Protein backbone atom coordinates (compact mmCIF):
# COMPACT_ATOMS: atom_id res chain seq x y z
CA MET A 1 24.44 -8.32 1.23
CA ALA A 2 22.29 -8.85 4.27
CA GLY A 3 18.68 -9.98 3.89
CA PHE A 4 16.38 -6.98 4.19
CA TYR A 5 12.77 -6.51 3.18
CA LYS A 6 10.27 -3.68 2.85
CA ILE A 7 6.81 -4.51 4.13
CA ALA A 8 3.84 -2.42 3.02
CA VAL A 9 0.20 -2.73 4.02
CA ASN A 10 -2.97 -0.63 3.96
CA ILE A 11 -4.97 -0.43 7.16
CA PRO A 12 -7.88 1.67 8.50
CA GLU A 13 -6.48 4.79 10.20
CA GLY A 14 -7.94 3.81 13.57
CA TYR A 15 -5.56 0.81 13.67
CA LEU A 16 -2.39 2.67 12.66
CA GLU A 17 -0.82 3.22 16.10
CA GLU A 18 -1.66 -0.31 17.24
CA LEU A 19 -0.07 -1.75 14.10
CA MET A 20 3.15 0.23 14.58
CA ASP A 21 3.34 -0.68 18.26
CA SER A 22 2.70 -4.36 17.50
CA VAL A 23 5.42 -4.54 14.84
CA THR A 24 7.89 -2.54 16.93
CA GLY A 25 7.42 -4.97 19.81
CA THR A 26 8.38 -7.96 17.66
CA ILE A 27 11.31 -6.86 15.47
CA ARG A 28 14.85 -5.66 16.10
CA PRO A 29 15.60 -2.06 15.13
CA MET A 30 16.87 -1.70 11.54
CA TYR A 31 18.62 1.62 12.05
CA PRO A 32 21.23 1.99 14.83
CA GLY A 33 19.91 4.24 17.58
CA TYR A 34 16.29 4.29 16.32
CA ASP A 35 13.22 2.14 16.58
CA ARG A 36 9.55 2.46 15.54
CA THR A 37 10.69 3.62 12.09
CA PHE A 38 7.70 3.67 9.72
CA ASN A 39 6.41 5.72 6.81
CA TYR A 40 2.68 6.19 6.39
CA TRP A 41 0.32 8.30 4.33
CA PRO A 42 -3.36 8.34 3.38
CA VAL A 43 -4.53 6.26 0.41
CA THR A 44 -7.85 5.24 -1.07
CA GLY A 45 -8.46 1.51 -1.36
CA THR A 46 -11.14 -0.29 -3.32
CA TRP A 47 -12.33 -3.88 -3.48
CA ARG A 48 -15.36 -6.08 -4.14
CA SER A 49 -16.06 -8.77 -1.58
CA LEU A 50 -16.95 -12.06 -3.25
CA PRO A 51 -19.51 -14.63 -2.06
CA GLY A 52 -18.20 -16.54 0.97
CA SER A 53 -16.16 -13.59 2.27
CA HIS A 54 -16.82 -11.75 5.53
CA PRO A 55 -15.71 -8.17 4.86
CA TYR A 56 -14.70 -5.80 7.65
CA ASP A 57 -16.02 -2.95 5.51
CA GLY A 58 -18.58 -3.09 2.70
CA SER A 59 -21.00 -5.74 1.54
CA VAL A 60 -20.59 -8.94 -0.44
CA GLY A 61 -21.00 -8.28 -4.17
CA GLU A 62 -20.63 -4.51 -3.92
CA VAL A 63 -17.59 -2.35 -4.71
CA THR A 64 -16.27 -0.66 -1.57
CA VAL A 65 -14.08 2.44 -1.55
CA ALA A 66 -12.40 3.32 1.75
CA GLU A 67 -9.85 5.77 3.10
CA GLU A 68 -6.90 3.86 4.53
CA MET A 69 -3.34 4.48 5.67
CA ARG A 70 -0.43 2.96 3.69
CA VAL A 71 2.26 1.82 6.11
CA GLU A 72 5.82 0.84 5.10
CA PHE A 73 8.80 -0.30 7.10
CA ALA A 74 12.07 -2.18 6.70
CA VAL A 75 12.75 -5.48 8.41
CA SER A 76 15.61 -7.97 8.51
CA GLU A 77 15.10 -11.43 7.10
CA GLY A 78 15.30 -12.94 10.57
CA ASP A 79 12.33 -10.84 11.74
CA LEU A 80 10.20 -11.19 8.60
CA GLU A 81 7.85 -13.88 9.91
CA ALA A 82 7.38 -12.09 13.24
CA ALA A 83 6.63 -8.79 11.47
CA VAL A 84 3.94 -10.34 9.27
CA ALA A 85 2.44 -12.13 12.30
CA ALA A 86 2.35 -8.81 14.20
CA ILE A 87 0.42 -7.22 11.33
CA LEU A 88 -2.05 -10.11 11.18
CA ALA A 89 -2.58 -9.91 14.96
CA VAL A 90 -4.05 -6.39 14.76
CA HIS A 91 -5.31 -5.98 11.19
CA PRO A 92 -9.11 -6.03 11.01
CA TYR A 93 -9.40 -7.21 7.41
CA GLU A 94 -10.21 -10.84 6.65
CA GLU A 95 -7.52 -10.83 3.91
CA PRO A 96 -5.08 -7.93 4.37
CA ALA A 97 -2.89 -7.29 1.33
CA ILE A 98 0.64 -7.39 2.76
CA ASP A 99 3.43 -6.62 0.29
CA VAL A 100 6.86 -8.10 1.07
CA LEU A 101 9.61 -6.77 -1.17
CA PRO A 102 13.33 -7.66 -1.18
CA MET A 103 15.44 -4.58 -0.50
CA VAL A 104 19.06 -3.51 -0.87
CA GLY A 105 20.32 -1.54 2.14
CA TRP A 106 22.01 1.76 1.34
CA ARG A 107 25.11 0.64 3.26
CA ASP A 108 25.45 -2.18 0.70
CA VAL A 109 25.52 0.42 -2.12
CA ILE A 110 27.97 2.95 -0.71
CA PRO A 111 31.29 1.67 0.68
CA SER A 112 31.77 2.40 4.36
CA ASP A 113 35.03 4.29 3.74
CA GLY A 114 33.20 6.81 1.52
CA THR A 115 34.94 5.85 -1.74
């Protein structure tokens, strides 16, 4: 099986298009004939910034609740580092929570001859 990953991250909605453009500009397309392939939907995030942090949103010591967009996309192992760097280049949070999950491609599950 080839090395594929799913990357997921929450980001303020105002940064969504910039994030997708940044990632698209640094990775090879995962699906033949298509690029800029993302899923996104609204989520509510919450956190408490601890002393010493410099939050983008909220105040140190207080619980913050914010509307964000959850963004997911697939990436090949060879583009993994570039994809994470592209997220970090545009993400406004001091410590964005970036999930990197190993993935099995559907072509590895179903034989190419259809049997």
